[in-house]
Amino acid sequence: MTMGPLPKQNELNRLNKAISEFYHDLCVQLGISESVFDIFYAISALGD
C-alpha cells in the first residue's frame, strides 16, 4: 500500500504549482520565455 500526500503537503504542493503557473502565464502575457524573464529579473536584482 502506498501512502499519499498528507492534506497539508498536498495543499503546499498545489500552492507552489499555482505560483509557478502564475509566473508562466505572466511570461506568456508579456510575450517572453521564462528563461528571458529569469535573466532580466536576475540582472535587475544582481546589477549590470
PDB file of all heavy atoms in Angstrom:
ATOM      1  N   MET A   1       0.845  -1.174   0.000  1.00  0.00           N
ATOM      2  CA  MET A   1       0.000   0.000   0.000  1.00  0.00           C
ATOM      3  C   MET A   1       0.897   1.245   0.000  1.00  0.00           C
ATOM      4  O   MET A   1       1.813   1.360   0.791  1.00  0.00           O
ATOM      5  CB  MET A   1      -0.885  -0.027   1.251  1.00  0.00           C
ATOM      6  CG  MET A   1      -1.824   1.142   1.306  1.00  0.00           C
ATOM      7  SD  MET A   1      -3.072   0.929   2.590  1.00  0.00           S
ATOM      8  CE  MET A   1      -2.410   1.984   3.844  1.00  0.00           C
ATOM      9  N   THR A   2       0.603   2.190  -0.906  1.00  0.00           N
ATOM     10  CA  THR A   2       1.387   3.427  -0.950  1.00  0.00           C
ATOM     11  C   THR A   2       0.690   4.501  -0.138  1.00  0.00           C
ATOM     12  O   THR A   2      -0.531   4.542  -0.044  1.00  0.00           O
ATOM     13  CB  THR A   2       1.566   3.917  -2.401  1.00  0.00           C
ATOM     14  OG1 THR A   2       0.277   4.164  -2.951  1.00  0.00           O
ATOM     15  CG2 THR A   2       2.318   2.919  -3.245  1.00  0.00           C
ATOM     16  N   MET A   3       1.516   5.334   0.442  1.00  0.00           N
ATOM     17  CA  MET A   3       0.973   6.417   1.256  1.00  0.00           C
ATOM     18  C   MET A   3       0.923   7.687   0.420  1.00  0.00           C
ATOM     19  O   MET A   3       1.926   8.119  -0.139  1.00  0.00           O
ATOM     20  CB  MET A   3       1.879   6.630   2.477  1.00  0.00           C
ATOM     21  CG  MET A   3       1.317   7.582   3.470  1.00  0.00           C
ATOM     22  SD  MET A   3       2.302   7.510   4.975  1.00  0.00           S
ATOM     23  CE  MET A   3       2.938   9.161   4.996  1.00  0.00           C
ATOM     24  N   GLY A   4      -0.247   8.276   0.294  1.00  0.00           N
ATOM     25  CA  GLY A   4      -0.398   9.519  -0.460  1.00  0.00           C
ATOM     26  C   GLY A   4       0.050  10.702   0.365  1.00  0.00           C
ATOM     27  O   GLY A   4       0.377  10.575   1.547  1.00  0.00           O
ATOM     28  N   PRO A   5       0.069  11.894  -0.248  1.00  0.00           N
ATOM     29  CA  PRO A   5       0.492  13.083   0.489  1.00  0.00           C
ATOM     30  C   PRO A   5      -0.514  13.430   1.586  1.00  0.00           C
ATOM     31  O   PRO A   5      -1.706  13.184   1.459  1.00  0.00           O
ATOM     32  CB  PRO A   5       0.546  14.172  -0.575  1.00  0.00           C
ATOM     33  CG  PRO A   5      -0.292  13.680  -1.694  1.00  0.00           C
ATOM     34  CD  PRO A   5      -0.293  12.182  -1.618  1.00  0.00           C
ATOM     35  N   LEU A   6       0.001  13.979   2.652  1.00  0.00           N
ATOM     36  CA  LEU A   6      -0.860  14.484   3.713  1.00  0.00           C
ATOM     37  C   LEU A   6      -1.608  15.702   3.186  1.00  0.00           C
ATOM     38  O   LEU A   6      -1.108  16.411   2.301  1.00  0.00           O
ATOM     39  CB  LEU A   6      -0.028  14.869   4.932  1.00  0.00           C
ATOM     40  CG  LEU A   6       0.714  13.724   5.620  1.00  0.00           C
ATOM     41  CD1 LEU A   6       1.653  14.269   6.684  1.00  0.00           C
ATOM     42  CD2 LEU A   6      -0.271  12.752   6.223  1.00  0.00           C
ATOM     43  N   PRO A   7      -2.798  15.981   3.709  1.00  0.00           N
ATOM     44  CA  PRO A   7      -3.560  17.122   3.192  1.00  0.00           C
ATOM     45  C   PRO A   7      -2.776  18.440   3.173  1.00  0.00           C
ATOM     46  O   PRO A   7      -2.858  19.189   2.215  1.00  0.00           O
ATOM     47  CB  PRO A   7      -4.767  17.194   4.132  1.00  0.00           C
ATOM     48  CG  PRO A   7      -4.933  15.793   4.624  1.00  0.00           C
ATOM     49  CD  PRO A   7      -3.529  15.231   4.711  1.00  0.00           C
ATOM     50  N   LYS A   8      -1.993  18.714   4.220  1.00  0.00           N
ATOM     51  CA  LYS A   8      -1.231  19.975   4.249  1.00  0.00           C
ATOM     52  C   LYS A   8      -0.126  19.962   3.196  1.00  0.00           C
ATOM     53  O   LYS A   8       0.129  20.976   2.547  1.00  0.00           O
ATOM     54  CB  LYS A   8      -0.657  20.225   5.637  1.00  0.00           C
ATOM     55  CG  LYS A   8      -1.726  20.632   6.628  1.00  0.00           C
ATOM     56  CD  LYS A   8      -1.146  20.947   7.966  1.00  0.00           C
ATOM     57  CE  LYS A   8      -2.288  21.283   8.923  1.00  0.00           C
ATOM     58  NZ  LYS A   8      -1.813  21.574  10.250  1.00  0.00           N
ATOM     59  N   GLN A   9       0.549  18.822   3.019  1.00  0.00           N
ATOM     60  CA  GLN A   9       1.580  18.724   1.995  1.00  0.00           C
ATOM     61  C   GLN A   9       0.957  18.867   0.611  1.00  0.00           C
ATOM     62  O   GLN A   9       1.507  19.520  -0.258  1.00  0.00           O
ATOM     63  CB  GLN A   9       2.346  17.408   2.102  1.00  0.00           C
ATOM     64  CG  GLN A   9       3.346  17.200   0.992  1.00  0.00           C
ATOM     65  CD  GLN A   9       4.326  18.344   0.831  1.00  0.00           C
ATOM     66  OE1 GLN A   9       4.788  18.924   1.801  1.00  0.00           O
ATOM     67  NE2 GLN A   9       4.629  18.708  -0.392  1.00  0.00           N
ATOM     68  N   ASN A  10      -0.185  18.252   0.435  1.00  0.00           N
ATOM     69  CA  ASN A  10      -0.894  18.349  -0.836  1.00  0.00           C
ATOM     70  C   ASN A  10      -1.225  19.808  -1.149  1.00  0.00           C
ATOM     71  O   ASN A  10      -1.041  20.268  -2.286  1.00  0.00           O
ATOM     72  CB  ASN A  10      -2.170  17.500  -0.766  1.00  0.00           C
ATOM     73  CG  ASN A  10      -2.800  17.284  -2.113  1.00  0.00           C
ATOM     74  OD1 ASN A  10      -2.116  17.221  -3.121  1.00  0.00           O
ATOM     75  ND2 ASN A  10      -4.104  17.178  -2.120  1.00  0.00           N
ATOM     76  N   GLU A  11      -1.683  20.544  -0.159  1.00  0.00           N
ATOM     77  CA  GLU A  11      -2.033  21.951  -0.348  1.00  0.00           C
ATOM     78  C   GLU A  11      -0.789  22.798  -0.614  1.00  0.00           C
ATOM     79  O   GLU A  11      -0.802  23.676  -1.466  1.00  0.00           O
ATOM     80  CB  GLU A  11      -2.801  22.480   0.867  1.00  0.00           C
ATOM     81  CG  GLU A  11      -3.298  23.892   0.715  1.00  0.00           C
ATOM     82  CD  GLU A  11      -4.281  24.120  -0.427  1.00  0.00           C
ATOM     83  OE1 GLU A  11      -4.781  23.148  -1.033  1.00  0.00           O
ATOM     84  OE2 GLU A  11      -4.539  25.301  -0.737  1.00  0.00           O
ATOM     85  N   LEU A  12       0.296  22.535   0.106  1.00  0.00           N
ATOM     86  CA  LEU A  12       1.536  23.269  -0.118  1.00  0.00           C
ATOM     87  C   LEU A  12       2.049  23.023  -1.537  1.00  0.00           C
ATOM     88  O   LEU A  12       2.448  23.965  -2.235  1.00  0.00           O
ATOM     89  CB  LEU A  12       2.598  22.869   0.909  1.00  0.00           C
ATOM     90  CG  LEU A  12       3.937  23.583   0.824  1.00  0.00           C
ATOM     91  CD1 LEU A  12       3.772  25.092   0.967  1.00  0.00           C
ATOM     92  CD2 LEU A  12       4.880  23.055   1.886  1.00  0.00           C
ATOM     93  N   ASN A  13       2.038  21.790  -1.971  1.00  0.00           N
ATOM     94  CA  ASN A  13       2.467  21.455  -3.326  1.00  0.00           C
ATOM     95  C   ASN A  13       1.573  22.155  -4.358  1.00  0.00           C
ATOM     96  O   ASN A  13       2.057  22.696  -5.351  1.00  0.00           O
ATOM     97  CB  ASN A  13       2.448  19.937  -3.514  1.00  0.00           C
ATOM     98  CG  ASN A  13       3.112  19.516  -4.790  1.00  0.00           C
ATOM     99  OD1 ASN A  13       4.196  19.986  -5.125  1.00  0.00           O
ATOM    100  ND2 ASN A  13       2.470  18.635  -5.519  1.00  0.00           N
ATOM    101  N   ARG A  14       0.277  22.149  -4.117  1.00  0.00           N
ATOM    102  CA  ARG A  14      -0.672  22.796  -5.032  1.00  0.00           C
ATOM    103  C   ARG A  14      -0.387  24.299  -5.121  1.00  0.00           C
ATOM    104  O   ARG A  14      -0.366  24.883  -6.212  1.00  0.00           O
ATOM    105  CB  ARG A  14      -2.102  22.546  -4.562  1.00  0.00           C
ATOM    106  CG  ARG A  14      -3.167  22.996  -5.559  1.00  0.00           C
ATOM    107  CD  ARG A  14      -4.568  22.902  -4.965  1.00  0.00           C
ATOM    108  NE  ARG A  14      -4.777  23.927  -3.951  1.00  0.00           N
ATOM    109  CZ  ARG A  14      -4.987  25.227  -4.219  1.00  0.00           C
ATOM    110  NH1 ARG A  14      -4.980  25.660  -5.459  1.00  0.00           N
ATOM    111  NH2 ARG A  14      -5.189  26.092  -3.247  1.00  0.00           N
ATOM    112  N   LEU A  15      -0.138  24.932  -3.971  1.00  0.00           N
ATOM    113  CA  LEU A  15       0.154  26.368  -3.971  1.00  0.00           C
ATOM    114  C   LEU A  15       1.470  26.680  -4.681  1.00  0.00           C
ATOM    115  O   LEU A  15       1.565  27.668  -5.426  1.00  0.00           O
ATOM    116  CB  LEU A  15       0.185  26.904  -2.534  1.00  0.00           C
ATOM    117  CG  LEU A  15      -1.174  26.990  -1.842  1.00  0.00           C
ATOM    118  CD1 LEU A  15      -1.002  27.307  -0.369  1.00  0.00           C
ATOM    119  CD2 LEU A  15      -2.069  28.017  -2.514  1.00  0.00           C
ATOM    120  N   ASN A  16       2.491  25.858  -4.465  1.00  0.00           N
ATOM    121  CA  ASN A  16       3.763  26.048  -5.180  1.00  0.00           C
ATOM    122  C   ASN A  16       3.555  25.961  -6.687  1.00  0.00           C
ATOM    123  O   ASN A  16       4.094  26.762  -7.448  1.00  0.00           O
ATOM    124  CB  ASN A  16       4.801  25.025  -4.722  1.00  0.00           C
ATOM    125  CG  ASN A  16       5.437  25.393  -3.405  1.00  0.00           C
ATOM    126  OD1 ASN A  16       5.557  26.555  -3.065  1.00  0.00           O
ATOM    127  ND2 ASN A  16       5.845  24.384  -2.652  1.00  0.00           N
ATOM    128  N   LYS A  17       2.772  24.982  -7.118  1.00  0.00           N
ATOM    129  CA  LYS A  17       2.492  24.835  -8.550  1.00  0.00           C
ATOM    130  C   LYS A  17       1.664  26.004  -9.083  1.00  0.00           C
ATOM    131  O   LYS A  17       1.873  26.464 -10.201  1.00  0.00           O
ATOM    132  CB  LYS A  17       1.810  23.502  -8.824  1.00  0.00           C
ATOM    133  CG  LYS A  17       2.768  22.321  -8.640  1.00  0.00           C
ATOM    134  CD  LYS A  17       2.114  21.001  -9.005  1.00  0.00           C
ATOM    135  CE  LYS A  17       3.043  19.851  -8.781  1.00  0.00           C
ATOM    136  NZ  LYS A  17       4.270  19.886  -9.538  1.00  0.00           N
ATOM    137  N   ALA A  18       0.747  26.504  -8.268  1.00  0.00           N
ATOM    138  CA  ALA A  18      -0.074  27.644  -8.680  1.00  0.00           C
ATOM    139  C   ALA A  18       0.780  28.898  -8.865  1.00  0.00           C
ATOM    140  O   ALA A  18       0.565  29.672  -9.802  1.00  0.00           O
ATOM    141  CB  ALA A  18      -1.189  27.893  -7.662  1.00  0.00           C
ATOM    142  N   ILE A  19       1.749  29.096  -7.977  1.00  0.00           N
ATOM    143  CA  ILE A  19       2.647  30.247  -8.114  1.00  0.00           C
ATOM    144  C   ILE A  19       3.490  30.099  -9.380  1.00  0.00           C
ATOM    145  O   ILE A  19       3.645  31.056 -10.152  1.00  0.00           O
ATOM    146  CB  ILE A  19       3.527  30.414  -6.856  1.00  0.00           C
ATOM    147  CG1 ILE A  19       2.661  30.863  -5.678  1.00  0.00           C
ATOM    148  CG2 ILE A  19       4.663  31.412  -7.108  1.00  0.00           C
ATOM    149  CD1 ILE A  19       3.355  30.822  -4.334  1.00  0.00           C
ATOM    150  N   SER A  20       4.014  28.900  -9.629  1.00  0.00           N
ATOM    151  CA  SER A  20       4.787  28.660 -10.860  1.00  0.00           C
ATOM    152  C   SER A  20       3.933  28.914 -12.091  1.00  0.00           C
ATOM    153  O   SER A  20       4.388  29.532 -13.062  1.00  0.00           O
ATOM    154  CB  SER A  20       5.321  27.226 -10.893  1.00  0.00           C
ATOM    155  OG  SER A  20       6.286  27.051  -9.902  1.00  0.00           O
ATOM    156  N   GLU A  21       2.695  28.442 -12.059  1.00  0.00           N
ATOM    157  CA  GLU A  21       1.778  28.646 -13.186  1.00  0.00           C
ATOM    158  C   GLU A  21       1.464  30.124 -13.378  1.00  0.00           C
ATOM    159  O   GLU A  21       1.369  30.606 -14.503  1.00  0.00           O
ATOM    160  CB  GLU A  21       0.489  27.852 -12.966  1.00  0.00           C
ATOM    161  CG  GLU A  21      -0.486  27.926 -14.100  1.00  0.00           C
ATOM    162  CD  GLU A  21      -0.028  27.219 -15.369  1.00  0.00           C
ATOM    163  OE1 GLU A  21       0.938  26.434 -15.325  1.00  0.00           O
ATOM    164  OE2 GLU A  21      -0.646  27.462 -16.433  1.00  0.00           O
ATOM    165  N   PHE A  22       1.335  30.857 -12.268  1.00  0.00           N
ATOM    166  CA  PHE A  22       1.092  32.307 -12.347  1.00  0.00           C
ATOM    167  C   PHE A  22       2.220  32.984 -13.126  1.00  0.00           C
ATOM    168  O   PHE A  22       1.977  33.780 -14.036  1.00  0.00           O
ATOM    169  CB  PHE A  22       0.977  32.907 -10.943  1.00  0.00           C
ATOM    170  CG  PHE A  22       0.923  34.405 -10.960  1.00  0.00           C
ATOM    171  CD1 PHE A  22      -0.270  35.068 -11.176  1.00  0.00           C
ATOM    172  CD2 PHE A  22       2.083  35.162 -10.792  1.00  0.00           C
ATOM    173  CE1 PHE A  22      -0.316  36.457 -11.219  1.00  0.00           C
ATOM    174  CE2 PHE A  22       2.055  36.545 -10.839  1.00  0.00           C
ATOM    175  CZ  PHE A  22       0.846  37.199 -11.052  1.00  0.00           C
ATOM    176  N   TYR A  23       3.474  32.675 -12.774  1.00  0.00           N
ATOM    177  CA  TYR A  23       4.610  33.302 -13.458  1.00  0.00           C
ATOM    178  C   TYR A  23       4.739  32.823 -14.901  1.00  0.00           C
ATOM    179  O   TYR A  23       5.114  33.597 -15.780  1.00  0.00           O
ATOM    180  CB  TYR A  23       5.906  33.105 -12.665  1.00  0.00           C
ATOM    181  CG  TYR A  23       5.984  34.072 -11.511  1.00  0.00           C
ATOM    182  CD1 TYR A  23       5.626  33.703 -10.224  1.00  0.00           C
ATOM    183  CD2 TYR A  23       6.378  35.387 -11.719  1.00  0.00           C
ATOM    184  CE1 TYR A  23       5.664  34.604  -9.172  1.00  0.00           C
ATOM    185  CE2 TYR A  23       6.424  36.307 -10.677  1.00  0.00           C
ATOM    186  CZ  TYR A  23       6.061  35.909  -9.410  1.00  0.00           C
ATOM    187  OH  TYR A  23       6.095  36.818  -8.386  1.00  0.00           O
ATOM    188  N   HIS A  24       4.391  31.571 -15.155  1.00  0.00           N
ATOM    189  CA  HIS A  24       4.385  31.080 -16.540  1.00  0.00           C
ATOM    190  C   HIS A  24       3.370  31.894 -17.360  1.00  0.00           C
ATOM    191  O   HIS A  24       3.683  32.371 -18.452  1.00  0.00           O
ATOM    192  CB  HIS A  24       4.043  29.591 -16.586  1.00  0.00           C
ATOM    193  CG  HIS A  24       3.765  29.106 -17.969  1.00  0.00           C
ATOM    194  ND1 HIS A  24       4.759  28.820 -18.880  1.00  0.00           N
ATOM    195  CD2 HIS A  24       2.588  28.886 -18.611  1.00  0.00           C
ATOM    196  CE1 HIS A  24       4.212  28.443 -20.018  1.00  0.00           C
ATOM    197  NE2 HIS A  24       2.904  28.476 -19.880  1.00  0.00           N
ATOM    198  N   ASP A  25       2.158  32.030 -16.831  1.00  0.00           N
ATOM    199  CA  ASP A  25       1.118  32.793 -17.532  1.00  0.00           C
ATOM    200  C   ASP A  25       1.518  34.254 -17.707  1.00  0.00           C
ATOM    201  O   ASP A  25       1.227  34.872 -18.734  1.00  0.00           O
ATOM    202  CB  ASP A  25      -0.216  32.702 -16.784  1.00  0.00           C
ATOM    203  CG  ASP A  25      -0.830  31.310 -16.832  1.00  0.00           C
ATOM    204  OD1 ASP A  25      -0.387  30.467 -17.647  1.00  0.00           O
ATOM    205  OD2 ASP A  25      -1.765  31.060 -16.035  1.00  0.00           O
ATOM    206  N   LEU A  26       2.189  34.805 -16.710  1.00  0.00           N
ATOM    207  CA  LEU A  26       2.668  36.181 -16.794  1.00  0.00           C
ATOM    208  C   LEU A  26       3.661  36.329 -17.950  1.00  0.00           C
ATOM    209  O   LEU A  26       3.588  37.280 -18.730  1.00  0.00           O
ATOM    210  CB  LEU A  26       3.311  36.597 -15.470  1.00  0.00           C
ATOM    211  CG  LEU A  26       3.819  38.023 -15.369  1.00  0.00           C
ATOM    212  CD1 LEU A  26       2.684  39.026 -15.516  1.00  0.00           C
ATOM    213  CD2 LEU A  26       4.515  38.214 -14.027  1.00  0.00           C
ATOM    214  N   CYS A  27       4.575  35.374 -18.078  1.00  0.00           N
ATOM    215  CA  CYS A  27       5.544  35.406 -19.186  1.00  0.00           C
ATOM    216  C   CYS A  27       4.831  35.307 -20.533  1.00  0.00           C
ATOM    217  O   CYS A  27       5.189  36.023 -21.478  1.00  0.00           O
ATOM    218  CB  CYS A  27       6.566  34.280 -19.031  1.00  0.00           C
ATOM    219  SG  CYS A  27       7.730  34.560 -17.682  1.00  0.00           S
ATOM    220  N   VAL A  28       3.830  34.453 -20.619  1.00  0.00           N
ATOM    221  CA  VAL A  28       3.049  34.341 -21.856  1.00  0.00           C
ATOM    222  C   VAL A  28       2.404  35.684 -22.167  1.00  0.00           C
ATOM    223  O   VAL A  28       2.453  36.173 -23.302  1.00  0.00           O
ATOM    224  CB  VAL A  28       1.995  33.209 -21.743  1.00  0.00           C
ATOM    225  CG1 VAL A  28       1.021  33.252 -22.911  1.00  0.00           C
ATOM    226  CG2 VAL A  28       2.680  31.841 -21.664  1.00  0.00           C
ATOM    227  N   GLN A  29       1.810  36.303 -21.157  1.00  0.00           N
ATOM    228  CA  GLN A  29       1.157  37.605 -21.329  1.00  0.00           C
ATOM    229  C   GLN A  29       2.163  38.669 -21.774  1.00  0.00           C
ATOM    230  O   GLN A  29       1.847  39.528 -22.594  1.00  0.00           O
ATOM    231  CB  GLN A  29       0.492  38.012 -20.018  1.00  0.00           C
ATOM    232  CG  GLN A  29      -0.328  39.271 -20.084  1.00  0.00           C
ATOM    233  CD  GLN A  29      -0.996  39.580 -18.751  1.00  0.00           C
ATOM    234  OE1 GLN A  29      -1.116  38.727 -17.878  1.00  0.00           O
ATOM    235  NE2 GLN A  29      -1.425  40.815 -18.594  1.00  0.00           N
ATOM    236  N   LEU A  30       3.388  38.599 -21.244  1.00  0.00           N
ATOM    237  CA  LEU A  30       4.434  39.560 -21.620  1.00  0.00           C
ATOM    238  C   LEU A  30       5.058  39.234 -22.978  1.00  0.00           C
ATOM    239  O   LEU A  30       5.798  40.039 -23.532  1.00  0.00           O
ATOM    240  CB  LEU A  30       5.529  39.587 -20.553  1.00  0.00           C
ATOM    241  CG  LEU A  30       5.151  40.160 -19.193  1.00  0.00           C
ATOM    242  CD1 LEU A  30       6.271  39.931 -18.185  1.00  0.00           C
ATOM    243  CD2 LEU A  30       4.816  41.647 -19.292  1.00  0.00           C
ATOM    244  N   GLY A  31       4.790  38.021 -23.474  1.00  0.00           N
ATOM    245  CA  GLY A  31       5.335  37.605 -24.762  1.00  0.00           C
ATOM    246  C   GLY A  31       6.805  37.220 -24.697  1.00  0.00           C
ATOM    247  O   GLY A  31       7.531  37.397 -25.675  1.00  0.00           O
ATOM    248  N   ILE A  32       7.233  36.697 -23.541  1.00  0.00           N
ATOM    249  CA  ILE A  32       8.635  36.308 -23.378  1.00  0.00           C
ATOM    250  C   ILE A  32       8.713  34.905 -22.773  1.00  0.00           C
ATOM    251  O   ILE A  32       7.765  34.432 -22.158  1.00  0.00           O
ATOM    252  CB  ILE A  32       9.422  37.307 -22.501  1.00  0.00           C
ATOM    253  CG1 ILE A  32       8.818  37.399 -21.086  1.00  0.00           C
ATOM    254  CG2 ILE A  32       9.481  38.670 -23.164  1.00  0.00           C
ATOM    255  CD1 ILE A  32       9.612  38.269 -20.124  1.00  0.00           C
ATOM    256  N   SER A  33       9.866  34.278 -22.942  1.00  0.00           N
ATOM    257  CA  SER A  33      10.072  32.965 -22.330  1.00  0.00           C
ATOM    258  C   SER A  33      10.391  33.146 -20.846  1.00  0.00           C
ATOM    259  O   SER A  33      10.802  34.217 -20.408  1.00  0.00           O
ATOM    260  CB  SER A  33      11.221  32.231 -23.024  1.00  0.00           C
ATOM    261  OG  SER A  33      12.448  32.854 -22.704  1.00  0.00           O
ATOM    262  N   GLU A  34      10.211  32.070 -20.107  1.00  0.00           N
ATOM    263  CA  GLU A  34      10.531  32.119 -18.681  1.00  0.00           C
ATOM    264  C   GLU A  34      12.024  32.330 -18.456  1.00  0.00           C
ATOM    265  O   GLU A  34      12.413  33.017 -17.505  1.00  0.00           O
ATOM    266  CB  GLU A  34      10.035  30.847 -17.991  1.00  0.00           C
ATOM    267  CG  GLU A  34       8.518  30.791 -17.939  1.00  0.00           C
ATOM    268  CD  GLU A  34       7.973  29.506 -17.363  1.00  0.00           C
ATOM    269  OE1 GLU A  34       8.261  29.214 -16.190  1.00  0.00           O
ATOM    270  OE2 GLU A  34       7.270  28.796 -18.098  1.00  0.00           O
ATOM    271  N   SER A  35      12.869  31.786 -19.334  1.00  0.00           N
ATOM    272  CA  SER A  35      14.309  31.989 -19.160  1.00  0.00           C
ATOM    273  C   SER A  35      14.693  33.447 -19.401  1.00  0.00           C
ATOM    274  O   SER A  35      15.546  33.994 -18.690  1.00  0.00           O
ATOM    275  CB  SER A  35      15.121  31.040 -20.038  1.00  0.00           C
ATOM    276  OG  SER A  35      14.781  31.177 -21.384  1.00  0.00           O
ATOM    277  N   VAL A  36      14.066  34.102 -20.363  1.00  0.00           N
ATOM    278  CA  VAL A  36      14.324  35.528 -20.599  1.00  0.00           C
ATOM    279  C   VAL A  36      13.865  36.336 -19.387  1.00  0.00           C
ATOM    280  O   VAL A  36      14.572  37.225 -18.909  1.00  0.00           O
ATOM    281  CB  VAL A  36      13.643  36.011 -21.900  1.00  0.00           C
ATOM    282  CG1 VAL A  36      13.634  37.529 -21.997  1.00  0.00           C
ATOM    283  CG2 VAL A  36      14.344  35.402 -23.110  1.00  0.00           C
ATOM    284  N   PHE A  37      12.687  36.007 -18.875  1.00  0.00           N
ATOM    285  CA  PHE A  37      12.189  36.672 -17.666  1.00  0.00           C
ATOM    286  C   PHE A  37      13.184  36.491 -16.530  1.00  0.00           C
ATOM    287  O   PHE A  37      13.546  37.456 -15.851  1.00  0.00           O
ATOM    288  CB  PHE A  37      10.819  36.099 -17.280  1.00  0.00           C
ATOM    289  CG  PHE A  37      10.253  36.698 -16.015  1.00  0.00           C
ATOM    290  CD1 PHE A  37       9.555  37.895 -16.045  1.00  0.00           C
ATOM    291  CD2 PHE A  37      10.418  36.053 -14.797  1.00  0.00           C
ATOM    292  CE1 PHE A  37       9.033  38.447 -14.875  1.00  0.00           C
ATOM    293  CE2 PHE A  37       9.903  36.594 -13.633  1.00  0.00           C
ATOM    294  CZ  PHE A  37       9.204  37.796 -13.663  1.00  0.00           C
ATOM    295  N   ASP A  38      13.640  35.249 -16.319  1.00  0.00           N
ATOM    296  CA  ASP A  38      14.581  34.958 -15.229  1.00  0.00           C
ATOM    297  C   ASP A  38      15.880  35.750 -15.380  1.00  0.00           C
ATOM    298  O   ASP A  38      16.424  36.263 -14.399  1.00  0.00           O
ATOM    299  CB  ASP A  38      14.901  33.461 -15.174  1.00  0.00           C
ATOM    300  CG  ASP A  38      13.740  32.624 -14.678  1.00  0.00           C
ATOM    301  OD1 ASP A  38      12.796  33.178 -14.067  1.00  0.00           O
ATOM    302  OD2 ASP A  38      13.785  31.396 -14.897  1.00  0.00           O
ATOM    303  N   ILE A  39      16.389  35.847 -16.593  1.00  0.00           N
ATOM    304  CA  ILE A  39      17.641  36.562 -16.837  1.00  0.00           C
ATOM    305  C   ILE A  39      17.497  38.043 -16.498  1.00  0.00           C
ATOM    306  O   ILE A  39      18.293  38.602 -15.740  1.00  0.00           O
ATOM    307  CB  ILE A  39      18.117  36.371 -18.294  1.00  0.00           C
ATOM    308  CG1 ILE A  39      18.607  34.942 -18.496  1.00  0.00           C
ATOM    309  CG2 ILE A  39      19.196  37.391 -18.659  1.00  0.00           C
ATOM    310  CD1 ILE A  39      18.773  34.546 -19.952  1.00  0.00           C
ATOM    311  N   PHE A  40      16.472  38.678 -17.033  1.00  0.00           N
ATOM    312  CA  PHE A  40      16.320  40.110 -16.803  1.00  0.00           C
ATOM    313  C   PHE A  40      15.917  40.413 -15.357  1.00  0.00           C
ATOM    314  O   PHE A  40      16.343  41.424 -14.798  1.00  0.00           O
ATOM    315  CB  PHE A  40      15.329  40.724 -17.797  1.00  0.00           C
ATOM    316  CG  PHE A  40      15.932  40.937 -19.151  1.00  0.00           C
ATOM    317  CD1 PHE A  40      15.623  40.102 -20.216  1.00  0.00           C
ATOM    318  CD2 PHE A  40      16.826  41.975 -19.376  1.00  0.00           C
ATOM    319  CE1 PHE A  40      16.186  40.291 -21.461  1.00  0.00           C
ATOM    320  CE2 PHE A  40      17.390  42.178 -20.621  1.00  0.00           C
ATOM    321  CZ  PHE A  40      17.073  41.332 -21.671  1.00  0.00           C
ATOM    322  N   TYR A  41      15.138  39.529 -14.750  1.00  0.00           N
ATOM    323  CA  TYR A  41      14.778  39.702 -13.340  1.00  0.00           C
ATOM    324  C   TYR A  41      16.040  39.603 -12.484  1.00  0.00           C
ATOM    325  O   TYR A  41      16.249  40.421 -11.584  1.00  0.00           O
ATOM    326  CB  TYR A  41      13.755  38.641 -12.930  1.00  0.00           C
ATOM    327  CG  TYR A  41      13.036  38.941 -11.640  1.00  0.00           C
ATOM    328  CD1 TYR A  41      11.744  39.439 -11.647  1.00  0.00           C
ATOM    329  CD2 TYR A  41      13.645  38.730 -10.404  1.00  0.00           C
ATOM    330  CE1 TYR A  41      11.069  39.714 -10.465  1.00  0.00           C
ATOM    331  CE2 TYR A  41      12.987  39.007  -9.226  1.00  0.00           C
ATOM    332  CZ  TYR A  41      11.695  39.502  -9.258  1.00  0.00           C
ATOM    333  OH  TYR A  41      11.041  39.778  -8.081  1.00  0.00           O
ATOM    334  N   ALA A  42      16.875  38.611 -12.778  1.00  0.00           N
ATOM    335  CA  ALA A  42      18.120  38.435 -12.020  1.00  0.00           C
ATOM    336  C   ALA A  42      19.051  39.635 -12.193  1.00  0.00           C
ATOM    337  O   ALA A  42      19.638  40.118 -11.214  1.00  0.00           O
ATOM    338  CB  ALA A  42      18.821  37.146 -12.442  1.00  0.00           C
ATOM    339  N   ILE A  43      19.179  40.130 -13.412  1.00  0.00           N
ATOM    340  CA  ILE A  43      20.028  41.300 -13.641  1.00  0.00           C
ATOM    341  C   ILE A  43      19.485  42.507 -12.873  1.00  0.00           C
ATOM    342  O   ILE A  43      20.249  43.289 -12.304  1.00  0.00           O
ATOM    343  CB  ILE A  43      20.180  41.607 -15.151  1.00  0.00           C
ATOM    344  CG1 ILE A  43      20.984  40.492 -15.837  1.00  0.00           C
ATOM    345  CG2 ILE A  43      20.838  42.972 -15.373  1.00  0.00           C
ATOM    346  CD1 ILE A  43      21.000  40.574 -17.354  1.00  0.00           C
ATOM    347  N   SER A  44      18.154  42.620 -12.814  1.00  0.00           N
ATOM    348  CA  SER A  44      17.544  43.708 -12.037  1.00  0.00           C
ATOM    349  C   SER A  44      17.935  43.617 -10.570  1.00  0.00           C
ATOM    350  O   SER A  44      18.164  44.627  -9.914  1.00  0.00           O
ATOM    351  CB  SER A  44      16.014  43.661 -12.146  1.00  0.00           C
ATOM    352  OG  SER A  44      15.597  43.927 -13.447  1.00  0.00           O
ATOM    353  N   ALA A  45      18.012  42.394 -10.056  1.00  0.00           N
ATOM    354  CA  ALA A  45      18.344  42.187  -8.646  1.00  0.00           C
ATOM    355  C   ALA A  45      19.844  42.240  -8.392  1.00  0.00           C
ATOM    356  O   ALA A  45      20.289  42.822  -7.396  1.00  0.00           O
ATOM    357  CB  ALA A  45      17.786  40.841  -8.173  1.00  0.00           C
ATOM    358  N   LEU A  46      20.624  41.627  -9.287  1.00  0.00           N
ATOM    359  CA  LEU A  46      22.062  41.479  -9.069  1.00  0.00           C
ATOM    360  C   LEU A  46      22.872  42.672  -9.555  1.00  0.00           C
ATOM    361  O   LEU A  46      23.980  42.904  -9.090  1.00  0.00           O
ATOM    362  CB  LEU A  46      22.567  40.210  -9.769  1.00  0.00           C
ATOM    363  CG  LEU A  46      21.954  38.897  -9.297  1.00  0.00           C
ATOM    364  CD1 LEU A  46      22.338  37.762 -10.241  1.00  0.00           C
ATOM    365  CD2 LEU A  46      22.374  38.598  -7.871  1.00  0.00           C
ATOM    366  N   GLY A  47      22.350  43.384 -10.540  1.00  0.00           N
ATOM    367  CA  GLY A  47      23.041  44.536 -11.099  1.00  0.00           C
ATOM    368  C   GLY A  47      23.706  44.212 -12.427  1.00  0.00           C
ATOM    369  O   GLY A  47      24.056  43.064 -12.715  1.00  0.00           O
ATOM    370  N   ASP A  48      23.855  45.227 -13.219  1.00  0.00           N
ATOM    371  CA  ASP A  48      24.510  45.128 -14.512  1.00  0.00           C
ATOM    372  C   ASP A  48      25.943  44.639 -14.308  1.00  0.00           C
ATOM    373  O   ASP A  48      26.617  45.051 -13.367  1.00  0.00           O
ATOM    374  CB  ASP A  48      24.512  46.530 -15.154  1.00  0.00           C
ATOM    375  CG  ASP A  48      24.388  46.499 -16.655  1.00  0.00           C
ATOM    376  OD1 ASP A  48      24.090  45.443 -17.225  1.00  0.00           O
ATOM    377  OD2 ASP A  48      24.582  47.569 -17.260  1.00  0.00           O
TER     378      ASP A  48
END
